């Protein structure tokens, strides 16, 4: 009888271990790393992203502005997303050229030279940033590609601005956290589960006219235990890099631009749906704004270790 008892207990222990293993959550894995050298323009997908003081190296280091020094983003002209940059490095790893492509246009080869003394101040979200005009030739190329009646100038950031200058994040981080031309933070992290949930709730006409890239993430992950889980990540680690979540990303009308037609959605989707399923009726949230706490490298396939969680307020 005693032998049978031990056998039963052993069997129950094996079943318990199997059950616990089967219930263990799968790891959260990095599935895409994305850099946008020119704010609002085409993306570069990376196998690994090296992290500098401002975020991924060369991420939104350049931006477009008109003759009045007003920023040009997809809000003002969705067609700029068709300007596709490609970065060229020397054998020593120094950035030497940026090749710009646009359908129907010959490529433009921009040589990356040392910053000149002719530095001017250009506002980015009302924050003055020291910048350099990359010249008349590239301005003409961009204006011709987009068939503009006016001129767009390509500026390179020579300065920086503190993330906490944005009212939403003034108490989230110190002045030590800087960026160049992003709207709000050094990184935007989103999960595939969040996109799948959002897409499933969209009107039928929109479900085949959207992709995760309209949200302009820097890091895409898979394996979150639930949709919108990334919005709870207070501190997390990827490889040797520690990140701090600073706030949920309230989405603007850029996300309503159709990837197929580059026109704004008449009904304001997906923002309209996000306001209902992950918002407060006024704002809809998708993704997490983050800053890095140290330098390092993030690679495809890296596991994301969530260290601490908390509920972030609507902003």
Protein backbone atom coordinates (compact mmCIF):
# COMPACT_ATOMS: atom_id res chain seq x y z
CA UNK A 1 0.00 0.00 0.00
CA UNK A 2 2.88 2.31 0.89
CA UNK A 3 4.48 1.71 -2.52
CA UNK A 4 1.26 2.67 -4.30
CA UNK A 5 1.03 5.83 -2.20
CA UNK A 6 4.53 6.86 -3.24
CA UNK A 7 3.76 6.07 -6.87
CA UNK A 8 0.62 8.18 -6.78
CA UNK A 9 2.44 11.05 -5.07
CA UNK A 10 5.24 10.81 -7.62
CA UNK A 11 2.75 10.83 -10.48
CA UNK A 12 0.99 13.85 -9.00
CA UNK A 13 4.34 15.65 -8.64
CA UNK A 14 5.21 14.96 -12.28
CA UNK A 15 1.81 16.22 -13.39
CA UNK A 16 2.19 19.33 -11.25
CA UNK A 17 5.62 20.11 -12.73
CA UNK A 18 4.29 19.55 -16.24
CA UNK A 19 1.31 21.80 -15.54
CA UNK A 20 3.49 24.58 -14.13
CA UNK A 21 5.85 24.41 -17.10
CA UNK A 22 2.96 24.48 -19.55
CA UNK A 23 1.49 27.50 -17.78
CA UNK A 24 4.79 29.40 -17.71
CA UNK A 25 4.51 32.46 -19.90
CA UNK A 26 6.53 32.50 -23.08
CA UNK A 27 9.40 34.97 -23.34
CA UNK A 28 8.86 38.40 -24.84
CA UNK A 29 11.15 38.63 -27.87
CA UNK A 30 12.36 41.54 -30.02
CA UNK A 31 11.07 40.93 -33.56
CA UNK A 32 11.93 44.23 -35.28
CA UNK A 33 14.32 47.13 -34.70
CA UNK A 34 13.59 50.30 -36.64
CA UNK A 35 15.45 53.54 -37.22
CA UNK A 36 14.05 56.61 -38.97
CA UNK A 37 17.05 58.76 -39.98
CA UNK A 38 14.79 61.55 -41.31
CA UNK A 39 11.79 62.39 -39.17
CA UNK A 40 8.58 61.31 -40.94
CA UNK A 41 10.38 59.62 -43.84
CA UNK A 42 11.12 55.99 -44.68
CA UNK A 43 12.26 53.42 -42.12
CA UNK A 44 15.41 51.34 -41.93
CA UNK A 45 15.00 47.87 -40.39
CA UNK A 46 18.03 46.69 -38.43
CA UNK A 47 19.39 43.35 -37.25
CA UNK A 48 20.88 45.18 -34.31
CA UNK A 49 20.51 48.69 -32.99
CA UNK A 50 23.38 50.43 -31.26
CA UNK A 51 22.25 52.90 -28.64
CA UNK A 52 23.82 56.29 -28.16
CA UNK A 53 23.02 59.26 -25.93
CA UNK A 54 19.83 60.02 -27.87
CA UNK A 55 18.46 56.56 -28.72
CA UNK A 56 19.32 54.38 -31.70
CA UNK A 57 22.28 55.86 -33.57
CA UNK A 58 21.09 58.20 -36.36
CA UNK A 59 17.42 57.83 -35.39
CA UNK A 60 15.66 61.08 -36.37
CA UNK A 61 18.89 62.99 -36.60
CA UNK A 62 17.51 64.80 -39.65
CA UNK A 63 14.18 66.53 -40.24
CA UNK A 64 12.41 68.58 -42.89
CA UNK A 65 11.32 72.20 -42.59
CA UNK A 66 9.91 74.81 -44.94
CA UNK A 67 11.24 78.30 -45.69
CA UNK A 68 9.59 79.57 -42.50
CA UNK A 69 11.53 76.95 -40.49
CA UNK A 70 8.30 75.12 -39.67
CA UNK A 71 8.71 71.37 -39.20
CA UNK A 72 7.30 69.21 -41.98
CA UNK A 73 6.05 65.82 -40.82
CA UNK A 74 3.50 63.38 -42.20
CA UNK A 75 0.85 65.55 -40.55
CA UNK A 76 1.62 68.25 -43.09
CA UNK A 77 2.57 66.02 -46.03
CA UNK A 78 2.05 62.23 -45.89
CA UNK A 79 4.05 61.80 -49.11
CA UNK A 80 7.35 62.34 -47.29
CA UNK A 81 7.19 58.73 -46.04
CA UNK A 82 8.11 57.71 -49.61
CA UNK A 83 11.52 59.35 -49.22
CA UNK A 84 13.66 56.33 -48.36
CA UNK A 85 17.07 56.93 -46.77
CA UNK A 86 19.97 54.46 -46.79
CA UNK A 87 23.02 54.96 -44.61
CA UNK A 88 26.53 54.22 -45.86
CA UNK A 89 29.43 53.63 -43.48
CA UNK A 90 33.19 53.43 -43.95
CA UNK A 91 35.18 50.33 -43.02
CA UNK A 92 35.93 52.08 -39.74
CA UNK A 93 32.22 52.42 -39.02
CA UNK A 94 31.94 56.15 -39.67
CA UNK A 95 28.80 57.43 -41.41
CA UNK A 96 29.95 58.85 -44.76
CA UNK A 97 26.84 59.15 -46.95
CA UNK A 98 23.06 59.06 -46.88
CA UNK A 99 21.43 57.89 -50.12
CA UNK A 100 17.89 59.16 -50.68
CA UNK A 101 15.49 57.31 -52.97
CA UNK A 102 12.05 58.23 -54.28
CA UNK A 103 10.00 56.46 -56.93
CA UNK A 104 10.58 58.02 -60.35
CA UNK A 105 13.61 60.01 -59.21
CA UNK A 106 17.34 59.33 -59.50
CA UNK A 107 18.91 58.65 -56.12
CA UNK A 108 20.48 61.56 -54.28
CA UNK A 109 23.84 60.99 -52.61
CA UNK A 110 24.26 63.24 -49.59
CA UNK A 111 27.81 63.33 -48.31
CA UNK A 112 27.90 63.59 -44.54
CA UNK A 113 30.42 66.31 -43.82
CA UNK A 114 31.58 67.85 -40.58
CA UNK A 115 29.14 70.35 -39.16
CA UNK A 116 29.82 73.89 -40.33
CA UNK A 117 29.76 77.08 -38.36
CA UNK A 118 26.49 78.20 -40.01
CA UNK A 119 24.26 76.70 -37.34
CA UNK A 120 20.74 78.06 -36.91
CA UNK A 121 18.02 77.46 -34.36
CA UNK A 122 14.96 75.55 -35.56
CA UNK A 123 12.05 74.76 -33.22
CA UNK A 124 11.06 71.12 -32.78
CA UNK A 125 7.79 70.97 -30.82
CA UNK A 126 8.55 74.52 -29.67
CA UNK A 127 11.93 73.40 -28.36
CA UNK A 128 14.82 75.30 -30.00
CA UNK A 129 17.36 72.90 -31.53
CA UNK A 130 20.65 73.92 -33.12
CA UNK A 131 20.58 72.61 -36.71
CA UNK A 132 22.39 72.77 -40.02
CA UNK A 133 20.80 73.06 -43.46
CA UNK A 134 22.20 70.24 -45.61
CA UNK A 135 22.20 72.46 -48.67
CA UNK A 136 20.39 73.65 -51.75
CA UNK A 137 21.02 70.55 -53.87
CA UNK A 138 19.21 68.12 -51.57
CA UNK A 139 16.48 70.71 -50.98
CA UNK A 140 15.88 70.91 -54.72
CA UNK A 141 15.84 67.11 -55.01
CA UNK A 142 13.25 66.74 -52.23
CA UNK A 143 11.10 69.54 -53.61
CA UNK A 144 11.22 68.02 -57.11
CA UNK A 145 10.42 64.51 -55.83
CA UNK A 146 7.38 65.75 -53.93
CA UNK A 147 6.36 68.11 -56.76
CA UNK A 148 6.21 71.08 -54.41
CA UNK A 149 5.40 74.67 -55.22
CA UNK A 150 7.45 75.66 -52.18
CA UNK A 151 10.75 74.33 -50.84
CA UNK A 152 11.55 71.83 -48.13
CA UNK A 153 14.94 71.98 -46.45
CA UNK A 154 16.75 69.00 -44.94
CA UNK A 155 18.23 69.87 -41.55
CA UNK A 156 20.69 67.88 -39.46
CA UNK A 157 20.47 68.27 -35.70
CA UNK A 158 23.59 69.82 -34.24
CA UNK A 159 22.00 70.19 -30.84
CA UNK A 160 19.56 68.45 -28.55
CA UNK A 161 16.55 69.01 -26.31
CA UNK A 162 15.56 67.45 -23.01
CA UNK A 163 12.72 64.92 -23.06
CA UNK A 164 11.19 66.55 -19.99
CA UNK A 165 10.60 69.76 -21.93
CA UNK A 166 7.45 68.05 -23.14
CA UNK A 167 4.79 68.96 -20.59
CA UNK A 168 3.61 65.35 -20.37
CA UNK A 169 7.03 64.16 -19.21
CA UNK A 170 8.33 67.08 -17.17
CA UNK A 171 8.10 65.05 -13.96
CA UNK A 172 8.91 61.66 -15.51
CA UNK A 173 12.64 62.11 -16.13
CA UNK A 174 15.45 64.52 -15.34
CA UNK A 175 17.19 66.96 -17.67
CA UNK A 176 19.82 64.26 -18.32
CA UNK A 177 17.66 62.52 -20.92
CA UNK A 178 18.13 64.19 -24.31
CA UNK A 179 16.87 63.59 -27.82
CA UNK A 180 17.09 65.25 -31.23
CA UNK A 181 14.06 65.27 -33.58
CA UNK A 182 11.54 62.72 -32.19
CA UNK A 183 8.16 64.04 -31.10
CA UNK A 184 8.45 62.94 -27.50
CA UNK A 185 11.01 60.36 -26.36
CA UNK A 186 14.06 58.33 -27.28
CA UNK A 187 12.16 55.11 -28.07
CA UNK A 188 8.68 53.83 -28.81
CA UNK A 189 8.08 50.18 -27.94
CA UNK A 190 5.03 48.25 -29.17
CA UNK A 191 3.93 44.61 -29.01
CA UNK A 192 2.48 42.54 -31.83
CA UNK A 193 -0.30 41.40 -29.49
CA UNK A 194 -1.36 45.03 -29.06
CA UNK A 195 -1.55 45.52 -32.80
CA UNK A 196 -3.48 42.27 -33.32
CA UNK A 197 -6.06 43.27 -30.71
CA UNK A 198 -6.41 46.76 -32.17
CA UNK A 199 -6.74 45.48 -35.74
CA UNK A 200 -9.40 42.96 -34.69
CA UNK A 201 -11.56 45.76 -33.29
CA UNK A 202 -11.31 48.05 -36.34
CA UNK A 203 -14.15 48.46 -38.83
CA UNK A 204 -13.89 45.82 -41.53
CA UNK A 205 -12.89 48.29 -44.26
CA UNK A 206 -9.82 49.32 -42.23
CA UNK A 207 -8.50 45.90 -41.23
CA UNK A 208 -6.75 45.36 -44.55
CA UNK A 209 -5.54 48.95 -44.77
CA UNK A 210 -3.26 49.16 -41.76
CA UNK A 211 -0.02 47.67 -40.47
CA UNK A 212 1.98 47.97 -37.29
CA UNK A 213 4.45 50.34 -38.94
CA UNK A 214 1.96 53.21 -39.17
CA UNK A 215 2.57 53.60 -35.43
CA UNK A 216 6.27 54.36 -36.11
CA UNK A 217 7.78 52.10 -33.42
CA UNK A 218 11.49 51.68 -32.73
CA UNK A 219 11.19 48.26 -31.11
CA UNK A 220 8.54 45.66 -31.88
CA UNK A 221 8.12 42.69 -29.55
CA UNK A 222 6.19 39.42 -29.53
CA UNK A 223 5.12 37.26 -26.62
CA UNK A 224 3.39 39.73 -24.32
CA UNK A 225 0.90 37.98 -22.02
CA UNK A 226 -1.89 40.36 -23.04
CA UNK A 227 -2.59 43.25 -25.45
CA UNK A 228 -1.29 46.67 -24.31
CA UNK A 229 1.00 44.96 -21.79
CA UNK A 230 3.90 47.24 -22.80
CA UNK A 231 2.03 50.20 -21.32
CA UNK A 232 2.75 48.79 -17.85
CA UNK A 233 6.51 48.42 -18.28
CA UNK A 234 8.11 50.77 -15.77
CA UNK A 235 11.57 49.22 -16.02
CA UNK A 236 12.74 46.56 -18.44
CA UNK A 237 15.95 45.19 -19.89
CA UNK A 238 16.96 44.07 -23.37
CA UNK A 239 20.34 42.36 -23.59
CA UNK A 240 22.61 44.68 -21.58
CA UNK A 241 20.46 47.80 -21.96
CA UNK A 242 18.15 49.03 -19.21
CA UNK A 243 15.08 51.03 -20.24
CA UNK A 244 12.60 53.15 -18.33
CA UNK A 245 9.03 53.59 -19.48
CA UNK A 246 7.95 57.21 -19.13
CA UNK A 247 4.45 57.30 -20.56
CA UNK A 248 1.83 55.81 -22.83
CA UNK A 249 1.81 57.14 -26.37
CA UNK A 250 -1.35 59.08 -27.22
CA UNK A 251 -1.80 58.61 -30.95
CA UNK A 252 -2.28 61.41 -33.47
CA UNK A 253 -3.73 61.57 -36.97
CA UNK A 254 -0.47 60.35 -38.57
CA UNK A 255 -1.57 56.81 -37.66
CA UNK A 256 -4.74 57.31 -39.71
CA UNK A 257 -2.78 57.65 -42.96
CA UNK A 258 -3.50 54.74 -45.29
CA UNK A 259 -0.34 52.76 -46.16
CA UNK A 260 -1.90 52.14 -49.59
CA UNK A 261 -3.16 55.59 -50.60
CA UNK A 262 -1.28 57.87 -48.15
CA UNK A 263 -4.56 59.64 -47.43
CA UNK A 264 -5.97 60.38 -43.98
CA UNK A 265 -8.79 58.07 -42.92
CA UNK A 266 -12.11 59.88 -43.12
CA UNK A 267 -13.34 58.27 -39.89
CA UNK A 268 -10.09 58.81 -38.01
CA UNK A 269 -9.24 55.12 -37.71
CA UNK A 270 -7.48 53.57 -35.86
CA UNK A 271 -7.48 56.45 -33.36
CA UNK A 272 -11.29 56.38 -33.09
CA UNK A 273 -11.20 52.72 -32.08
CA UNK A 274 -8.26 53.19 -29.70
CA UNK A 275 -10.21 55.88 -27.85
CA UNK A 276 -12.83 53.22 -27.08
CA UNK A 277 -10.70 50.15 -26.35
CA UNK A 278 -7.59 51.75 -24.82
CA UNK A 279 -8.31 55.37 -24.12
CA UNK A 280 -10.44 57.86 -22.29
CA UNK A 281 -12.80 58.87 -25.07
CA UNK A 282 -10.62 61.83 -25.99
CA UNK A 283 -7.23 60.17 -26.48
CA UNK A 284 -6.36 56.69 -27.71
CA UNK A 285 -3.12 55.04 -26.62
CA UNK A 286 -0.83 52.62 -28.44
CA UNK A 287 2.74 51.84 -27.37
CA UNK A 288 5.11 53.01 -24.67
CA UNK A 289 7.52 55.94 -24.72
CA UNK A 290 10.85 55.02 -23.16
CA UNK A 291 14.33 56.26 -22.41
CA UNK A 292 17.52 54.22 -22.04
CA UNK A 293 19.46 54.17 -18.79
CA UNK A 294 22.76 53.04 -20.34
CA UNK A 295 24.38 52.48 -23.72
CA UNK A 296 24.52 49.10 -25.43
CA UNK A 297 23.10 47.06 -28.30
CA UNK A 298 19.67 45.56 -28.95
CA UNK A 299 19.44 42.63 -31.38
CA UNK A 300 16.67 40.73 -33.12
CA UNK A 301 15.66 37.78 -31.00
CA UNK A 302 16.74 39.37 -27.72
CA UNK A 303 14.49 38.63 -24.78
CA UNK A 304 12.80 41.51 -22.99
CA UNK A 305 12.94 41.13 -19.22
CA UNK A 306 10.24 43.18 -17.52
CA UNK A 307 11.67 44.18 -14.14
CA UNK A 308 8.87 46.29 -12.70
CA UNK A 309 5.37 47.31 -13.68
CA UNK A 310 3.00 50.10 -12.78
CA UNK A 311 -0.10 51.76 -14.11
CA UNK A 312 0.71 54.91 -16.09
CA UNK A 313 -1.83 57.74 -16.11
CA UNK A 314 -3.59 59.22 -19.11
CA UNK A 315 -1.59 62.16 -20.42
